[in-house]
């Protein structure tokens, strides 16, 4: 099956495994997709891009953390419900009403995590149980898949493919048996600085 939102390609995994035939392509594609979703779970974020509209509430009148990171300003629309009735009638203008942070995200090839009001504009804020006051239409995710994430995905995909020959997580060599570790230390090292830990 085709890989959906994978962090490496079938060709990259086959090259790492030194495979030239197509016999196990289906299994390898499953391994890539499974490894990509494991990376999402381990890091607490996703690196592929998806366009969607979501609603949320700001931290305060001037600060809005995005529920998911925003990959690009292209197609970004931020609307506010100033009446508190679930109607998002006020559209905010980027770099006039608000700016995105971190401001060096494009230079770092990283996503935007929050919006900060400027020029006297404020986000609508009501006490619970009011409905969410902000509607965000955006492409969420990362601008590009980081090299570390791609390498981790290749290693995890190889591991998952090899796991099919390791009954009960044990690999046998002649008269020896070696237990397979639950977390690959190299994968962990590649991904640790991308993990979201604690509350923002």
Foldseek 3Di string as FASTA:
>chain_A
DAADLFLADLVVLCVVVVHDDCPCSVLLSVLRNVLQVVLCVQQVAHAGKDWDKDFAAAPFFFKRFDPFFFADPVFKWKFFDQPLPPDRDGTDDEPPQWHFPPPCCVVVQFTTGMIGGDDPGTGRDDDPPGDGTMMITGIGHTNGRDPLSSVLSSVSSNVSSCVVVAPPQWDDDDPDIDHHDPDDVSSCVSRVVSHDDDDD
